Amino acid sequence: MTGREFFTTRTVSEVLAGFRPARRTAVEAVPLDAALHRVPVGAVSAAAALPGFPRSTVDGFAVLAADTYGASEGLPSYLDLAGAVRMGRAPDIAVPPGGCVAMPTGGVLPPGADAVVMVEFTAETMPGTIEVTRPVAPGAGLVRADEDVAAGADLVPGGRPLRAPDLGLLAAAGVVEVAVHARPRVTILSTGDEVVAPSTPALQPGQVRDATASALAGLVRDAGGDPMIAGIVPDDAGALGAALKDVLHDADLVVVSAGSSVGARDETAGAVAALGEIWCHGIALKPGKPTLLADCDGVPVLGLPGNPLSALVVFRLIGLPLVWRLAGCEHPPPEPSTRARLSRDLPSAAGRVDVVQVTVADGVATPIFGPSALLSVLTRADGCLVVPEPATGLDAGTEVDVMLYR
């Protein structure tokens, strides 16, 4: 990582493109039933073709397609019924010229057949004779032995979180264990002389319970990380430096929820600078400008603003991609989103990203405004929209993408 000027402000796009720690979590093997949303270390290949045999995709009759050419309701083809295929067993009969074999969905295609006619286009006009009223082309009504996956082909790629269908395909191939990156260990340090534990029964004047750490832990879990809330450190450079040094050895990412005052932010920057290299201190983002990014002995450190709303906005925008990257995922899965019309004019300043909380109803996005110290702004929101850096605002009625909260 190249050297950066201390207290350098960066744009959001510069941060997302430029702050790319090389650290990756360790590799571990997990059983298939515990692999959902985990990130495979590399592609998992098929040892054999899938499904492994040609099989019917419909109920009907296995035929030689040429025997059905020209068939219609007015002039059907007539085929001799040679027998039937049973589910879960290899065929014990072949399809002779001018003949057919009864097929269940999923049954093994018998020798001599190259298509399956759907039962809806057939009728048994007399015992042992099947009437076909629609022609089929070779390959109709069936899948080839390697049509799902060819032998040696990738079942799932590396570096992408596993989804439910991926688990099904792996199971079909007989894969019962997957090598994945361990869940990133994300240590959350809260700072501030005014911050006390959530369990504090009664607050003294000026005190606030630590709301940010619990919310951050929830976001970490959503991204597949393993959060650890490491407690509260006073606004003291020595105490914070000691706490940081203590947690760095056992963390893949350290998140510092800084105090709200300028002095507290300076203490955080000083403590981090003493242990590593600050990449930037300030992001062109509202809310969330006083954000710090650093590398301390190979461990990325993210210093967040003290106000809860600002801290969570920054972590969703900057922190979550870091968690995914540490777990070996270069392109995090997209958050759910929807298109909506903006209910009112939305001012903004060019050169920074504005993240605006909104409610969404009947296709209309209505901004919610409030101080960045109020978590209730987030709890009332259905999602947020991002006003890009070049924009000087958005007009009422503009179609916008709203990232929905889960």
Protein backbone atom coordinates (compact mmCIF):
# COMPACT_ATOMS: atom_id res chain seq x y z
CA MET A 1 0.00 0.00 0.00
CA THR A 2 1.54 3.29 -1.07
CA GLY A 3 2.19 6.13 1.32
CA ARG A 4 -0.51 8.74 1.78
CA GLU A 5 -0.47 12.20 3.17
CA PHE A 6 -1.75 12.38 6.73
CA PHE A 7 -5.24 13.92 7.04
CA THR A 8 -5.94 13.49 3.32
CA THR A 9 -9.58 13.57 2.28
CA ARG A 10 -10.71 11.14 -0.45
CA THR A 11 -13.83 10.75 -2.52
CA VAL A 12 -16.05 7.70 -2.04
CA SER A 13 -15.05 6.35 -5.44
CA GLU A 14 -11.36 6.75 -4.57
CA VAL A 15 -11.89 4.86 -1.33
CA LEU A 16 -13.79 1.98 -2.94
CA ALA A 17 -11.27 1.64 -5.74
CA GLY A 18 -8.06 2.43 -3.87
CA PHE A 19 -8.28 1.06 -0.32
CA ARG A 20 -7.90 -2.65 -1.06
CA PRO A 21 -6.15 -4.50 1.76
CA ALA A 22 -4.33 -7.66 0.71
CA ARG A 23 -5.38 -9.53 3.85
CA ARG A 24 -7.63 -12.58 3.42
CA THR A 25 -9.04 -14.84 6.09
CA ALA A 26 -7.79 -18.38 6.59
CA VAL A 27 -9.19 -21.37 4.71
CA GLU A 28 -11.46 -23.88 6.39
CA ALA A 29 -13.60 -26.79 5.25
CA VAL A 30 -17.30 -26.62 6.06
CA PRO A 31 -20.07 -29.16 5.47
CA LEU A 32 -22.52 -28.34 2.71
CA ASP A 33 -25.37 -27.59 5.12
CA ALA A 34 -23.25 -24.84 6.70
CA ALA A 35 -21.93 -23.34 3.45
CA LEU A 36 -24.75 -20.92 2.55
CA HIS A 37 -23.32 -17.43 1.84
CA ARG A 38 -19.77 -18.62 2.52
CA VAL A 39 -17.11 -17.74 -0.08
CA PRO A 40 -15.31 -20.67 -1.75
CA VAL A 41 -11.54 -20.33 -1.94
CA GLY A 42 -11.57 -21.51 -5.56
CA ALA A 43 -13.86 -22.98 -8.17
CA VAL A 44 -15.33 -26.39 -7.35
CA SER A 45 -15.25 -28.71 -10.39
CA ALA A 46 -17.48 -31.63 -11.30
CA ALA A 47 -15.83 -35.03 -11.04
CA ALA A 48 -18.37 -36.43 -13.50
CA ALA A 49 -21.00 -35.13 -15.90
CA LEU A 50 -24.45 -34.19 -14.61
CA PRO A 51 -27.04 -35.59 -14.68
CA GLY A 52 -24.78 -38.43 -15.84
CA PHE A 53 -27.32 -40.06 -18.14
CA PRO A 54 -29.82 -38.83 -20.74
CA ARG A 55 -33.17 -38.39 -18.99
CA SER A 56 -36.72 -37.39 -19.81
CA THR A 57 -38.00 -33.99 -18.73
CA VAL A 58 -41.66 -34.87 -19.38
CA ASP A 59 -44.09 -37.73 -18.96
CA GLY A 60 -44.59 -39.30 -22.37
CA PHE A 61 -43.01 -41.74 -24.79
CA ALA A 62 -39.41 -42.17 -25.88
CA VAL A 63 -39.24 -42.25 -29.68
CA LEU A 64 -36.98 -41.91 -32.69
CA ALA A 65 -37.85 -38.35 -33.73
CA ALA A 66 -37.89 -39.28 -37.44
CA ASP A 67 -40.84 -41.63 -36.76
CA THR A 68 -42.98 -38.59 -35.77
CA TYR A 69 -42.23 -36.29 -38.71
CA GLY A 70 -45.42 -35.10 -40.40
CA ALA A 71 -47.66 -36.19 -37.54
CA SER A 72 -50.77 -34.08 -36.93
CA GLU A 73 -54.21 -34.43 -35.42
CA GLY A 74 -55.61 -35.07 -38.88
CA LEU A 75 -52.89 -37.51 -39.86
CA PRO A 76 -51.25 -38.99 -36.72
CA SER A 77 -48.29 -41.34 -36.58
CA TYR A 78 -48.83 -44.76 -35.04
CA LEU A 79 -46.09 -46.40 -32.99
CA ASP A 80 -45.86 -49.80 -31.36
CA LEU A 81 -45.52 -49.65 -27.55
CA ALA A 82 -42.46 -51.75 -26.74
CA GLY A 83 -42.53 -51.36 -22.96
CA ALA A 84 -41.93 -48.87 -20.15
CA VAL A 85 -39.01 -47.34 -18.23
CA ARG A 86 -39.19 -47.50 -14.44
CA MET A 87 -37.91 -44.68 -12.24
CA GLY A 88 -34.52 -45.21 -10.64
CA ARG A 89 -33.60 -48.11 -12.90
CA ALA A 90 -31.67 -48.53 -16.12
CA PRO A 91 -33.90 -49.33 -19.14
CA ASP A 92 -34.18 -53.03 -19.94
CA ILE A 93 -35.60 -52.36 -23.38
CA ALA A 94 -34.61 -50.34 -26.47
CA VAL A 95 -36.81 -48.28 -28.78
CA PRO A 96 -37.16 -50.16 -32.08
CA PRO A 97 -37.82 -48.40 -35.41
CA GLY A 98 -41.50 -47.53 -35.52
CA GLY A 99 -41.83 -48.15 -31.80
CA CYS A 100 -41.89 -46.23 -28.51
CA VAL A 101 -41.32 -46.74 -24.78
CA ALA A 102 -43.42 -45.17 -21.99
CA MET A 103 -41.38 -42.63 -20.00
CA PRO A 104 -41.80 -40.97 -16.58
CA THR A 105 -40.30 -37.54 -15.95
CA GLY A 106 -36.69 -38.11 -14.90
CA GLY A 107 -36.48 -41.60 -16.33
CA VAL A 108 -33.38 -42.84 -18.18
CA LEU A 109 -33.72 -42.53 -21.95
CA PRO A 110 -33.62 -46.02 -23.50
CA PRO A 111 -31.26 -46.93 -26.34
CA GLY A 112 -32.53 -46.14 -29.80
CA ALA A 113 -34.48 -43.04 -28.73
CA ASP A 114 -33.49 -39.43 -29.42
CA ALA A 115 -36.62 -37.57 -28.21
CA VAL A 116 -39.60 -37.83 -25.88
CA VAL A 117 -43.16 -36.97 -26.96
CA MET A 118 -45.28 -35.38 -24.23
CA VAL A 119 -48.18 -37.57 -23.16
CA GLU A 120 -50.57 -34.69 -23.98
CA PHE A 121 -49.87 -35.24 -27.70
CA THR A 122 -50.46 -38.97 -27.64
CA ALA A 123 -53.28 -41.43 -27.17
CA GLU A 124 -53.47 -45.23 -26.88
CA THR A 125 -55.93 -45.97 -29.68
CA MET A 126 -55.76 -49.70 -29.06
CA PRO A 127 -53.73 -51.90 -26.70
CA GLY A 128 -50.07 -51.70 -27.68
CA THR A 129 -50.49 -48.87 -30.21
CA ILE A 130 -49.71 -45.21 -29.46
CA GLU A 131 -51.08 -42.40 -31.62
CA VAL A 132 -48.80 -39.31 -31.93
CA THR A 133 -50.45 -36.05 -33.03
CA ARG A 134 -47.46 -33.68 -32.97
CA PRO A 135 -43.94 -34.16 -34.36
CA VAL A 136 -40.82 -33.73 -32.20
CA ALA A 137 -37.26 -32.81 -33.11
CA PRO A 138 -34.23 -34.73 -31.89
CA GLY A 139 -33.43 -33.73 -28.33
CA ALA A 140 -37.00 -32.66 -27.48
CA GLY A 141 -38.29 -33.61 -24.03
CA LEU A 142 -34.94 -34.70 -22.64
CA VAL A 143 -31.60 -33.52 -21.27
CA ARG A 144 -28.26 -34.94 -22.34
CA ALA A 145 -25.98 -36.77 -19.94
CA ASP A 146 -23.73 -33.69 -19.61
CA GLU A 147 -26.26 -30.95 -20.28
CA ASP A 148 -26.37 -29.69 -16.69
CA VAL A 149 -22.60 -29.80 -16.10
CA ALA A 150 -19.84 -31.38 -18.17
CA ALA A 151 -17.19 -33.48 -16.44
CA GLY A 152 -14.41 -31.19 -15.20
CA ALA A 153 -16.49 -28.02 -15.57
CA ASP A 154 -16.99 -25.59 -12.69
CA LEU A 155 -19.95 -26.28 -10.46
CA VAL A 156 -19.50 -22.97 -8.62
CA PRO A 157 -16.90 -20.21 -9.04
CA GLY A 158 -14.43 -19.16 -6.40
CA GLY A 159 -14.79 -15.76 -4.76
CA ARG A 160 -18.59 -15.57 -4.92
CA PRO A 161 -20.85 -16.25 -1.92
CA LEU A 162 -22.68 -19.56 -2.24
CA ARG A 163 -26.42 -19.31 -2.88
CA ALA A 164 -29.10 -21.92 -2.27
CA PRO A 165 -29.08 -23.23 -5.89
CA ASP A 166 -25.29 -23.58 -5.65
CA LEU A 167 -25.71 -25.90 -2.68
CA GLY A 168 -28.19 -27.97 -4.67
CA LEU A 169 -25.81 -28.33 -7.61
CA LEU A 170 -22.93 -29.27 -5.31
CA ALA A 171 -25.13 -31.88 -3.63
CA ALA A 172 -26.13 -33.29 -7.03
CA ALA A 173 -22.43 -33.71 -7.81
CA GLY A 174 -21.78 -35.49 -4.53
CA VAL A 175 -19.83 -32.59 -2.97
CA VAL A 176 -20.51 -32.63 0.77
CA GLU A 177 -17.73 -30.32 1.98
CA VAL A 178 -16.42 -27.02 0.61
CA ALA A 179 -13.17 -25.15 1.25
CA VAL A 180 -14.16 -21.57 2.11
CA HIS A 181 -12.63 -18.49 3.65
CA ALA A 182 -13.21 -18.19 7.39
CA ARG A 183 -15.67 -15.57 8.53
CA PRO A 184 -13.79 -12.27 8.97
CA ARG A 185 -13.25 -11.41 12.62
CA VAL A 186 -14.40 -7.81 13.03
CA THR A 187 -13.49 -6.18 16.33
CA ILE A 188 -15.60 -3.16 17.29
CA LEU A 189 -14.08 -0.64 19.68
CA SER A 190 -16.24 2.18 21.00
CA THR A 191 -14.61 5.35 22.30
CA GLY A 192 -15.83 8.39 24.18
CA ASP A 193 -15.91 9.63 27.76
CA GLU A 194 -19.68 10.02 27.41
CA VAL A 195 -20.33 6.48 26.15
CA VAL A 196 -21.52 3.82 28.60
CA ALA A 197 -22.63 0.22 28.23
CA PRO A 198 -26.20 -0.49 27.03
CA SER A 199 -26.82 -2.30 30.32
CA THR A 200 -26.38 0.95 32.29
CA PRO A 201 -29.70 1.24 34.21
CA ALA A 202 -29.75 5.02 34.65
CA LEU A 203 -27.81 7.64 32.72
CA GLN A 204 -25.98 10.50 34.32
CA PRO A 205 -26.28 13.91 32.63
CA GLY A 206 -24.21 13.86 29.42
CA GLN A 207 -23.97 10.09 29.18
CA VAL A 208 -25.24 8.03 26.23
CA ARG A 209 -25.56 4.26 25.91
CA ASP A 210 -23.45 2.62 23.23
CA ALA A 211 -26.01 2.07 20.46
CA THR A 212 -23.59 2.01 17.54
CA ALA A 213 -21.67 -1.14 18.46
CA SER A 214 -24.76 -3.36 18.52
CA ALA A 215 -25.97 -2.02 15.18
CA LEU A 216 -22.53 -2.45 13.62
CA ALA A 217 -22.40 -6.04 14.86
CA GLY A 218 -25.68 -6.71 13.08
CA LEU A 219 -24.33 -5.33 9.80
CA VAL A 220 -21.18 -7.43 10.18
CA ARG A 221 -23.24 -10.58 10.61
CA ASP A 222 -25.31 -9.67 7.54
CA ALA A 223 -22.07 -9.62 5.53
CA GLY A 224 -20.96 -12.99 6.84
CA GLY A 225 -18.51 -11.63 9.40
CA ASP A 226 -17.97 -12.59 13.02
CA PRO A 227 -18.28 -9.44 15.17
CA MET A 228 -16.68 -8.99 18.56
CA ILE A 229 -17.68 -6.00 20.67
CA ALA A 230 -14.48 -5.13 22.54
CA GLY A 231 -15.91 -2.55 24.92
CA ILE A 232 -15.59 1.17 25.48
CA VAL A 233 -12.33 3.15 25.64
CA PRO A 234 -12.12 6.69 27.07
CA ASP A 235 -10.99 9.65 24.94
CA ASP A 236 -7.34 9.13 25.75
CA ALA A 237 -4.68 8.44 23.13
CA GLY A 238 -2.74 6.14 25.44
CA ALA A 239 -5.76 4.06 26.40
CA LEU A 240 -6.95 3.82 22.80
CA GLY A 241 -3.49 2.92 21.55
CA ALA A 242 -3.21 0.14 24.13
CA ALA A 243 -6.68 -1.17 23.25
CA LEU A 244 -5.89 -1.13 19.52
CA LYS A 245 -2.59 -2.92 20.05
CA ASP A 246 -4.38 -5.53 22.13
CA VAL A 247 -7.05 -6.38 19.52
CA LEU A 248 -5.00 -6.15 16.33
CA HIS A 249 -3.42 -9.59 16.71
CA ASP A 250 -6.79 -11.34 16.73
CA ALA A 251 -8.79 -9.30 14.19
CA ASP A 252 -9.15 -9.21 10.42
CA LEU A 253 -10.73 -5.74 10.61
CA VAL A 254 -10.85 -3.26 13.47
CA VAL A 255 -13.68 -0.75 13.57
CA VAL A 256 -13.33 2.23 15.89
CA SER A 257 -16.52 4.10 16.71
CA ALA A 258 -14.99 7.44 17.63
CA GLY A 259 -16.26 10.09 20.00
CA SER A 260 -18.27 12.93 18.51
CA SER A 261 -15.91 15.78 19.31
CA VAL A 262 -13.05 16.98 17.10
CA GLY A 263 -10.68 16.24 19.95
CA ALA A 264 -11.87 12.65 20.16
CA ARG A 265 -11.37 12.18 16.43
CA ASP A 266 -7.86 13.59 16.73
CA GLU A 267 -7.13 11.11 19.53
CA THR A 268 -8.26 8.26 17.30
CA ALA A 269 -6.11 9.43 14.39
CA GLY A 270 -3.08 9.82 16.64
CA ALA A 271 -3.47 6.38 18.19
CA VAL A 272 -3.90 4.71 14.79
CA ALA A 273 -0.98 6.61 13.25
CA ALA A 274 1.28 5.37 16.05
CA LEU A 275 0.52 1.76 15.07
CA GLY A 276 0.31 1.92 11.29
CA GLU A 277 -0.25 3.98 8.18
CA ILE A 278 -3.27 6.23 7.71
CA TRP A 279 -4.57 5.95 4.16
CA CYS A 280 -7.11 8.75 4.44
CA HIS A 281 -8.73 10.84 7.15
CA GLY A 282 -11.89 12.30 5.72
CA ILE A 283 -14.27 11.19 2.98
CA ALA A 284 -16.33 13.47 0.71
CA LEU A 285 -19.54 11.99 2.08
CA LYS A 286 -22.59 13.29 3.90
CA PRO A 287 -23.18 12.06 6.50
CA GLY A 288 -19.85 10.56 7.40
CA LYS A 289 -17.07 12.96 6.42
CA PRO A 290 -14.82 12.35 9.50
CA THR A 291 -13.96 8.78 8.50
CA LEU A 292 -10.50 7.25 8.83
CA LEU A 293 -8.97 4.35 6.92
CA ALA A 294 -5.63 2.85 7.86
CA ASP A 295 -3.45 -0.23 7.71
CA CYS A 296 -1.93 -1.40 10.98
CA ASP A 297 0.51 -4.26 10.47
CA GLY A 298 -1.62 -5.75 7.69
CA VAL A 299 -4.93 -5.29 9.51
CA PRO A 300 -7.30 -2.67 8.03
CA VAL A 301 -8.67 -0.17 10.52
CA LEU A 302 -11.86 1.80 9.90
CA GLY A 303 -12.46 4.81 12.11
CA LEU A 304 -16.11 5.87 12.08
CA PRO A 305 -17.81 9.14 13.04
CA GLY A 306 -19.25 9.24 16.51
CA ASN A 307 -22.85 9.96 15.53
CA PRO A 308 -24.73 6.66 15.14
CA LEU A 309 -26.48 7.47 11.86
CA SER A 310 -23.24 8.66 10.27
CA ALA A 311 -21.34 5.63 11.54
CA LEU A 312 -23.87 3.16 10.11
CA VAL A 313 -24.08 4.96 6.76
CA VAL A 314 -20.30 4.84 6.41
CA PHE A 315 -20.08 1.21 7.46
CA ARG A 316 -22.76 0.13 5.01
CA LEU A 317 -21.04 2.02 2.18
CA ILE A 318 -17.37 1.41 3.02
CA GLY A 319 -17.18 -1.22 5.76
CA LEU A 320 -19.34 -3.96 4.27
CA PRO A 321 -17.28 -4.20 1.05
CA LEU A 322 -14.20 -4.52 3.27
CA VAL A 323 -15.75 -7.43 5.20
CA TRP A 324 -16.62 -9.22 1.95
CA ARG A 325 -13.15 -8.57 0.51
CA LEU A 326 -11.46 -10.03 3.58
CA ALA A 327 -13.57 -13.16 3.05
CA GLY A 328 -12.24 -13.50 -0.51
CA CYS A 329 -15.18 -11.87 -2.31
CA GLU A 330 -14.05 -9.12 -4.69
CA HIS A 331 -17.56 -8.17 -5.80
CA PRO A 332 -20.01 -8.14 -2.89
CA PRO A 333 -23.53 -9.36 -3.64
CA PRO A 334 -25.81 -6.39 -4.38
CA GLU A 335 -28.21 -5.17 -1.75
CA PRO A 336 -31.91 -5.45 -2.63
CA SER A 337 -33.12 -2.34 -4.40
CA THR A 338 -36.12 -0.81 -6.10
CA ARG A 339 -36.88 2.08 -8.44
CA ALA A 340 -39.00 4.92 -7.12
CA ARG A 341 -39.92 8.54 -7.91
CA LEU A 342 -38.54 11.22 -5.66
CA SER A 343 -41.32 13.02 -3.79
CA ARG A 344 -39.56 16.38 -3.51
CA ASP A 345 -36.52 18.35 -4.64
CA LEU A 346 -33.34 17.12 -2.98
CA PRO A 347 -30.46 19.61 -2.73
CA SER A 348 -26.87 18.41 -2.71
CA ALA A 349 -23.34 19.75 -3.14
CA ALA A 350 -21.18 18.73 -6.09
CA GLY A 351 -18.00 16.90 -5.18
CA ARG A 352 -19.42 14.74 -2.43
CA VAL A 353 -21.76 11.75 -2.12
CA ASP A 354 -24.96 12.36 -0.20
CA VAL A 355 -26.73 9.36 1.36
CA VAL A 356 -30.37 10.15 2.07
CA GLN A 357 -32.72 7.98 4.12
CA VAL A 358 -36.14 7.45 2.56
CA THR A 359 -39.46 5.73 3.02
CA VAL A 360 -40.95 4.00 -0.02
CA ALA A 361 -44.67 3.64 -0.67
CA ASP A 362 -46.58 3.17 -3.93
CA GLY A 363 -43.43 3.74 -5.96
CA VAL A 364 -42.61 7.08 -4.29
CA ALA A 365 -39.44 7.71 -2.26
CA THR A 366 -39.89 10.30 0.49
CA PRO A 367 -36.71 11.64 2.14
CA ILE A 368 -36.40 11.55 5.93
CA PHE A 369 -34.34 14.30 7.43
CA GLY A 370 -32.91 14.58 10.92
CA PRO A 371 -29.68 15.07 12.88
CA SER A 372 -27.02 12.40 12.37
CA ALA A 373 -27.16 11.65 16.10
CA LEU A 374 -30.67 10.19 15.77
CA LEU A 375 -30.87 6.45 15.16
CA SER A 376 -34.64 6.75 14.80
CA VAL A 377 -34.07 8.27 11.34
CA LEU A 378 -32.65 4.91 10.27
CA THR A 379 -35.27 2.80 12.02
CA ARG A 380 -38.04 4.72 10.21
CA ALA A 381 -36.37 4.38 6.81
CA ASP A 382 -37.17 1.66 4.28
CA GLY A 383 -33.85 2.28 2.58
CA CYS A 384 -31.57 4.99 1.25
CA LEU A 385 -30.64 6.63 -2.02
CA VAL A 386 -27.25 7.90 -3.07
CA VAL A 387 -26.83 11.29 -4.69
CA PRO A 388 -23.63 10.91 -6.76
CA GLU A 389 -20.59 13.16 -6.47
CA PRO A 390 -21.15 15.27 -9.62
CA ALA A 391 -24.81 16.09 -8.84
CA THR A 392 -25.93 19.39 -7.38
CA GLY A 393 -29.27 17.91 -6.39
CA LEU A 394 -32.19 15.88 -7.70
CA ASP A 395 -35.55 17.21 -8.85
CA ALA A 396 -38.90 15.99 -7.58
CA GLY A 397 -40.18 13.19 -9.79
CA THR A 398 -36.69 11.92 -10.66
CA GLU A 399 -36.47 8.13 -10.94
CA VAL A 400 -33.98 6.94 -8.31
CA ASP A 401 -32.54 3.62 -7.16
CA VAL A 402 -33.36 2.95 -3.52
CA MET A 403 -31.23 0.45 -1.63
CA LEU A 404 -33.65 -1.39 0.62
CA TYR A 405 -32.84 -2.37 4.18
CA ARG A 406 -33.39 -6.00 5.10
